Amino acid sequence: MSDTQGIKTVLHPVSDIAAAKPVYTALLGAPPTADSDYYVGYDAAGQHIGLVPGSEMTSSVAYWHVDDIEGKLAEVTAAGASVKEAPHGVGGGRLVASFTDPDGNVLGLIQDPERS
């Protein structure tokens, strides 16, 4: 059984990143740690909160950080989940995947590269 490190990342789809950024900055009480036209990210209280414009996401997605994304995805699908997005790289060695539970809720997984 593959362990998780808990929910550390939550991504929110936004239609207007310029309008959303001041709201999240006020909510989190800090400026973004990543700020571009295609992604704005905040680090707050040990979590990463991201704003994703123009995404196919239809609701916020919580991402569990795992050491073995393939193993965890196999476990949840064996338990009844359906793969929505197969593991793939998003830069810097980070892998992401998503799946749906039996009610259609979208859940995410993130595997960061090993650090030596």
N, C-alpha and C. Protein backbone atom coordinates (compact mmCIF):
# COMPACT_ATOMS: atom_id res chain seq x y z
N MET A 1 0.85 -1.19 0.00
CA MET A 1 0.00 0.00 0.00
C MET A 1 0.89 1.24 0.00
N SER A 2 0.60 2.17 -0.87
CA SER A 2 1.38 3.40 -1.02
C SER A 2 0.83 4.50 -0.11
N ASP A 3 1.70 5.15 0.64
CA ASP A 3 1.28 6.20 1.56
C ASP A 3 1.10 7.54 0.85
N THR A 4 0.32 8.43 1.48
CA THR A 4 0.21 9.80 1.00
C THR A 4 0.85 10.73 2.02
N GLN A 5 1.20 11.91 1.56
CA GLN A 5 1.75 12.94 2.42
C GLN A 5 0.67 13.97 2.75
N GLY A 6 -0.56 13.67 2.41
CA GLY A 6 -1.67 14.56 2.69
C GLY A 6 -1.95 15.52 1.54
N ILE A 7 -3.01 16.29 1.71
CA ILE A 7 -3.36 17.30 0.70
C ILE A 7 -2.46 18.50 0.93
N LYS A 8 -1.64 18.79 -0.07
CA LYS A 8 -0.73 19.93 0.02
C LYS A 8 -0.98 20.95 -1.08
N THR A 9 -1.77 20.56 -2.08
CA THR A 9 -2.01 21.44 -3.22
C THR A 9 -3.49 21.44 -3.56
N VAL A 10 -4.06 22.63 -3.74
CA VAL A 10 -5.43 22.77 -4.21
C VAL A 10 -5.40 23.75 -5.37
N LEU A 11 -5.91 23.31 -6.52
CA LEU A 11 -5.97 24.16 -7.70
C LEU A 11 -7.41 24.61 -7.95
N HIS A 12 -7.55 25.88 -8.28
CA HIS A 12 -8.86 26.47 -8.53
C HIS A 12 -8.91 26.98 -9.97
N PRO A 13 -9.90 26.54 -10.76
CA PRO A 13 -10.06 27.11 -12.09
C PRO A 13 -10.61 28.53 -11.98
N VAL A 14 -10.10 29.44 -12.76
CA VAL A 14 -10.59 30.82 -12.76
C VAL A 14 -10.80 31.27 -14.20
N SER A 15 -11.82 32.08 -14.41
CA SER A 15 -12.08 32.60 -15.76
C SER A 15 -11.29 33.87 -16.04
N ASP A 16 -10.96 34.61 -14.99
CA ASP A 16 -10.23 35.87 -15.13
C ASP A 16 -9.17 35.94 -14.04
N ILE A 17 -7.95 35.60 -14.40
CA ILE A 17 -6.88 35.51 -13.40
C ILE A 17 -6.58 36.87 -12.77
N ALA A 18 -6.71 37.95 -13.56
CA ALA A 18 -6.44 39.29 -13.03
C ALA A 18 -7.47 39.67 -11.97
N ALA A 19 -8.72 39.24 -12.14
CA ALA A 19 -9.76 39.54 -11.16
C ALA A 19 -9.65 38.63 -9.93
N ALA A 20 -9.22 37.38 -10.15
CA ALA A 20 -9.14 36.42 -9.04
C ALA A 20 -7.94 36.68 -8.14
N LYS A 21 -6.84 37.14 -8.71
CA LYS A 21 -5.60 37.29 -7.94
C LYS A 21 -5.76 38.18 -6.70
N PRO A 22 -6.37 39.37 -6.78
CA PRO A 22 -6.50 40.18 -5.57
C PRO A 22 -7.37 39.54 -4.48
N VAL A 23 -8.36 38.75 -4.90
CA VAL A 23 -9.23 38.08 -3.93
C VAL A 23 -8.43 37.05 -3.14
N TYR A 24 -7.66 36.22 -3.83
CA TYR A 24 -6.86 35.19 -3.16
C TYR A 24 -5.71 35.81 -2.37
N THR A 25 -5.15 36.91 -2.87
CA THR A 25 -4.10 37.60 -2.13
C THR A 25 -4.65 38.13 -0.81
N ALA A 26 -5.85 38.69 -0.85
CA ALA A 26 -6.48 39.19 0.38
C ALA A 26 -6.82 38.03 1.32
N LEU A 27 -7.35 36.95 0.78
CA LEU A 27 -7.72 35.79 1.59
C LEU A 27 -6.50 35.19 2.29
N LEU A 28 -5.41 35.03 1.54
CA LEU A 28 -4.23 34.35 2.08
C LEU A 28 -3.27 35.30 2.79
N GLY A 29 -3.46 36.60 2.62
CA GLY A 29 -2.65 37.58 3.33
C GLY A 29 -1.20 37.65 2.89
N ALA A 30 -0.93 37.24 1.66
CA ALA A 30 0.43 37.26 1.14
C ALA A 30 0.39 37.34 -0.37
N PRO A 31 1.44 37.90 -0.97
CA PRO A 31 1.49 37.95 -2.43
C PRO A 31 1.76 36.56 -3.00
N PRO A 32 1.49 36.38 -4.28
CA PRO A 32 1.75 35.09 -4.91
C PRO A 32 3.25 34.76 -4.91
N THR A 33 3.55 33.47 -4.86
CA THR A 33 4.94 33.01 -4.98
C THR A 33 5.26 32.63 -6.42
N ALA A 34 4.24 32.43 -7.23
CA ALA A 34 4.38 32.20 -8.67
C ALA A 34 3.32 33.06 -9.34
N ASP A 35 3.72 33.83 -10.33
CA ASP A 35 2.78 34.78 -10.93
C ASP A 35 3.03 34.91 -12.42
N SER A 36 2.14 34.31 -13.22
CA SER A 36 2.25 34.43 -14.67
C SER A 36 0.84 34.50 -15.25
N ASP A 37 0.77 34.67 -16.56
CA ASP A 37 -0.53 34.74 -17.22
C ASP A 37 -1.25 33.40 -17.20
N TYR A 38 -0.52 32.29 -17.06
CA TYR A 38 -1.13 30.97 -17.13
C TYR A 38 -1.22 30.26 -15.78
N TYR A 39 -0.66 30.86 -14.71
CA TYR A 39 -0.72 30.23 -13.39
C TYR A 39 -0.30 31.23 -12.33
N VAL A 40 -1.08 31.30 -11.25
CA VAL A 40 -0.71 32.10 -10.08
C VAL A 40 -0.76 31.15 -8.88
N GLY A 41 0.33 31.10 -8.14
CA GLY A 41 0.40 30.19 -7.01
C GLY A 41 0.76 30.89 -5.72
N TYR A 42 0.22 30.38 -4.63
CA TYR A 42 0.46 30.92 -3.29
C TYR A 42 0.92 29.78 -2.39
N ASP A 43 1.84 30.06 -1.49
CA ASP A 43 2.23 29.10 -0.46
C ASP A 43 1.76 29.67 0.87
N ALA A 44 0.86 28.95 1.53
CA ALA A 44 0.28 29.43 2.78
C ALA A 44 0.05 28.26 3.72
N ALA A 45 0.57 28.37 4.92
CA ALA A 45 0.33 27.38 5.98
C ALA A 45 0.65 25.96 5.53
N GLY A 46 1.74 25.80 4.79
CA GLY A 46 2.16 24.47 4.36
C GLY A 46 1.40 23.92 3.17
N GLN A 47 0.56 24.74 2.55
CA GLN A 47 -0.19 24.31 1.38
C GLN A 47 0.14 25.21 0.19
N HIS A 48 -0.06 24.66 -1.01
CA HIS A 48 0.09 25.45 -2.21
C HIS A 48 -1.30 25.63 -2.82
N ILE A 49 -1.69 26.87 -3.04
CA ILE A 49 -2.98 27.21 -3.63
C ILE A 49 -2.69 27.79 -5.01
N GLY A 50 -3.28 27.20 -6.05
CA GLY A 50 -3.02 27.64 -7.41
C GLY A 50 -4.27 28.10 -8.13
N LEU A 51 -4.12 29.13 -8.95
CA LEU A 51 -5.19 29.64 -9.80
C LEU A 51 -4.85 29.28 -11.24
N VAL A 52 -5.76 28.59 -11.91
CA VAL A 52 -5.50 28.08 -13.25
C VAL A 52 -6.54 28.64 -14.22
N PRO A 53 -6.16 29.62 -15.06
CA PRO A 53 -7.13 30.16 -16.03
C PRO A 53 -7.22 29.26 -17.26
N GLY A 54 -8.34 29.32 -17.93
CA GLY A 54 -8.51 28.61 -19.20
C GLY A 54 -8.35 27.11 -19.07
N SER A 55 -8.64 26.57 -17.92
CA SER A 55 -8.47 25.15 -17.67
C SER A 55 -9.73 24.38 -18.01
N GLU A 56 -9.58 23.08 -18.24
CA GLU A 56 -10.74 22.22 -18.44
C GLU A 56 -11.35 21.82 -17.10
N MET A 57 -10.73 22.23 -16.01
CA MET A 57 -11.26 21.92 -14.68
C MET A 57 -12.62 22.61 -14.53
N THR A 58 -13.56 21.91 -13.90
CA THR A 58 -14.88 22.50 -13.68
C THR A 58 -15.11 22.85 -12.22
N SER A 59 -14.20 22.43 -11.35
CA SER A 59 -14.27 22.76 -9.93
C SER A 59 -12.87 22.66 -9.34
N SER A 60 -12.71 23.12 -8.12
CA SER A 60 -11.42 23.02 -7.45
C SER A 60 -11.04 21.55 -7.29
N VAL A 61 -9.75 21.28 -7.34
CA VAL A 61 -9.25 19.91 -7.19
C VAL A 61 -8.19 19.90 -6.10
N ALA A 62 -8.38 19.01 -5.11
CA ALA A 62 -7.39 18.80 -4.06
C ALA A 62 -6.42 17.72 -4.54
N TYR A 63 -5.14 17.96 -4.33
CA TYR A 63 -4.10 17.02 -4.76
C TYR A 63 -3.39 16.44 -3.56
N TRP A 64 -3.40 15.11 -3.46
CA TRP A 64 -2.64 14.41 -2.43
C TRP A 64 -1.23 14.20 -2.98
N HIS A 65 -0.24 14.50 -2.18
CA HIS A 65 1.15 14.28 -2.56
C HIS A 65 1.53 12.86 -2.17
N VAL A 66 2.13 12.15 -3.12
CA VAL A 66 2.48 10.74 -2.92
C VAL A 66 3.92 10.49 -3.37
N ASP A 67 4.50 9.42 -2.86
CA ASP A 67 5.84 9.03 -3.29
C ASP A 67 5.82 8.19 -4.55
N ASP A 68 4.70 7.49 -4.80
CA ASP A 68 4.58 6.57 -5.94
C ASP A 68 3.23 6.79 -6.63
N ILE A 69 3.21 7.67 -7.61
CA ILE A 69 1.95 8.05 -8.25
C ILE A 69 1.32 6.87 -8.99
N GLU A 70 2.14 6.06 -9.67
CA GLU A 70 1.61 4.90 -10.39
C GLU A 70 1.00 3.89 -9.41
N GLY A 71 1.70 3.64 -8.29
CA GLY A 71 1.20 2.70 -7.29
C GLY A 71 -0.09 3.17 -6.65
N LYS A 72 -0.16 4.45 -6.29
CA LYS A 72 -1.38 4.97 -5.66
C LYS A 72 -2.54 4.97 -6.65
N LEU A 73 -2.28 5.32 -7.91
CA LEU A 73 -3.34 5.30 -8.91
C LEU A 73 -3.86 3.87 -9.11
N ALA A 74 -2.97 2.90 -9.10
CA ALA A 74 -3.39 1.49 -9.21
C ALA A 74 -4.25 1.09 -8.01
N GLU A 75 -3.88 1.54 -6.82
CA GLU A 75 -4.66 1.21 -5.62
C GLU A 75 -6.06 1.79 -5.67
N VAL A 76 -6.18 3.06 -6.04
CA VAL A 76 -7.50 3.68 -6.03
C VAL A 76 -8.38 3.15 -7.15
N THR A 77 -7.79 2.82 -8.31
CA THR A 77 -8.60 2.26 -9.39
C THR A 77 -9.05 0.84 -9.03
N ALA A 78 -8.20 0.07 -8.36
CA ALA A 78 -8.59 -1.28 -7.90
C ALA A 78 -9.73 -1.19 -6.89
N ALA A 79 -9.80 -0.07 -6.19
CA ALA A 79 -10.85 0.13 -5.18
C ALA A 79 -12.13 0.73 -5.77
N GLY A 80 -12.13 1.05 -7.07
CA GLY A 80 -13.36 1.55 -7.70
C GLY A 80 -13.28 2.92 -8.34
N ALA A 81 -12.12 3.58 -8.26
CA ALA A 81 -11.97 4.89 -8.91
C ALA A 81 -11.74 4.71 -10.41
N SER A 82 -11.93 5.79 -11.18
CA SER A 82 -11.67 5.79 -12.62
C SER A 82 -10.63 6.85 -12.95
N VAL A 83 -9.64 6.49 -13.74
CA VAL A 83 -8.61 7.44 -14.14
C VAL A 83 -9.23 8.52 -15.00
N LYS A 84 -8.98 9.76 -14.65
CA LYS A 84 -9.42 10.90 -15.46
C LYS A 84 -8.25 11.42 -16.28
N GLU A 85 -7.10 11.53 -15.65
CA GLU A 85 -5.90 12.08 -16.30
C GLU A 85 -4.72 11.20 -15.87
N ALA A 86 -4.14 10.47 -16.82
CA ALA A 86 -3.01 9.59 -16.52
C ALA A 86 -1.81 10.41 -16.04
N PRO A 87 -0.91 9.80 -15.28
CA PRO A 87 0.27 10.54 -14.81
C PRO A 87 1.06 11.14 -15.98
N HIS A 88 1.42 12.39 -15.81
CA HIS A 88 2.22 13.07 -16.82
C HIS A 88 3.03 14.18 -16.16
N GLY A 89 4.14 14.54 -16.80
CA GLY A 89 5.02 15.57 -16.29
C GLY A 89 4.48 16.96 -16.53
N VAL A 90 4.71 17.84 -15.54
CA VAL A 90 4.30 19.23 -15.68
C VAL A 90 5.49 20.18 -15.47
N GLY A 91 6.68 19.64 -15.50
CA GLY A 91 7.89 20.45 -15.36
C GLY A 91 8.60 20.20 -14.05
N GLY A 92 9.90 20.31 -14.09
CA GLY A 92 10.71 20.16 -12.89
C GLY A 92 10.68 18.77 -12.30
N GLY A 93 10.31 17.77 -13.09
CA GLY A 93 10.25 16.40 -12.60
C GLY A 93 8.97 16.05 -11.87
N ARG A 94 8.06 16.99 -11.73
CA ARG A 94 6.78 16.75 -11.03
C ARG A 94 5.83 16.01 -11.96
N LEU A 95 5.17 14.99 -11.39
CA LEU A 95 4.13 14.24 -12.10
C LEU A 95 2.79 14.52 -11.46
N VAL A 96 1.74 14.62 -12.28
CA VAL A 96 0.38 14.80 -11.76
C VAL A 96 -0.54 13.80 -12.45
N ALA A 97 -1.61 13.45 -11.77
CA ALA A 97 -2.64 12.59 -12.31
C ALA A 97 -3.94 12.94 -11.60
N SER A 98 -5.06 12.54 -12.17
CA SER A 98 -6.33 12.73 -11.48
C SER A 98 -7.22 11.54 -11.75
N PHE A 99 -8.19 11.36 -10.85
CA PHE A 99 -9.14 10.27 -10.96
C PHE A 99 -10.47 10.73 -10.39
N THR A 100 -11.51 9.97 -10.68
CA THR A 100 -12.82 10.26 -10.11
C THR A 100 -13.22 9.14 -9.16
N ASP A 101 -13.90 9.54 -8.09
CA ASP A 101 -14.43 8.54 -7.17
C ASP A 101 -15.77 8.04 -7.74
N PRO A 102 -16.42 7.07 -7.11
CA PRO A 102 -17.66 6.54 -7.67
C PRO A 102 -18.78 7.57 -7.84
N ASP A 103 -18.69 8.73 -7.15
CA ASP A 103 -19.71 9.77 -7.31
C ASP A 103 -19.32 10.83 -8.32
N GLY A 104 -18.16 10.67 -8.97
CA GLY A 104 -17.71 11.62 -9.97
C GLY A 104 -16.87 12.77 -9.45
N ASN A 105 -16.56 12.78 -8.16
CA ASN A 105 -15.68 13.81 -7.61
C ASN A 105 -14.27 13.62 -8.16
N VAL A 106 -13.65 14.71 -8.57
CA VAL A 106 -12.30 14.65 -9.12
C VAL A 106 -11.29 14.85 -8.00
N LEU A 107 -10.32 13.94 -7.92
CA LEU A 107 -9.25 13.98 -6.93
C LEU A 107 -7.93 13.91 -7.67
N GLY A 108 -6.90 14.55 -7.12
CA GLY A 108 -5.62 14.60 -7.81
C GLY A 108 -4.49 13.98 -7.00
N LEU A 109 -3.45 13.59 -7.71
CA LEU A 109 -2.22 13.07 -7.13
C LEU A 109 -1.05 13.83 -7.69
N ILE A 110 -0.04 14.09 -6.85
CA ILE A 110 1.20 14.74 -7.27
C ILE A 110 2.36 13.93 -6.73
N GLN A 111 3.34 13.70 -7.58
CA GLN A 111 4.60 13.09 -7.15
C GLN A 111 5.72 14.04 -7.53
N ASP A 112 6.45 14.50 -6.54
CA ASP A 112 7.59 15.36 -6.80
C ASP A 112 8.85 14.52 -6.97
N PRO A 113 9.83 15.04 -7.69
CA PRO A 113 11.06 14.26 -7.88
C PRO A 113 11.76 14.04 -6.54
N GLU A 114 12.48 12.92 -6.47
CA GLU A 114 13.26 12.66 -5.26
C GLU A 114 14.37 13.68 -5.16
N ARG A 115 14.62 14.12 -3.96
CA ARG A 115 15.69 15.10 -3.74
C ARG A 115 16.83 14.39 -3.04
N SER A 116 18.02 14.65 -3.56
CA SER A 116 19.19 14.00 -2.94
C SER A 116 20.02 14.98 -2.19
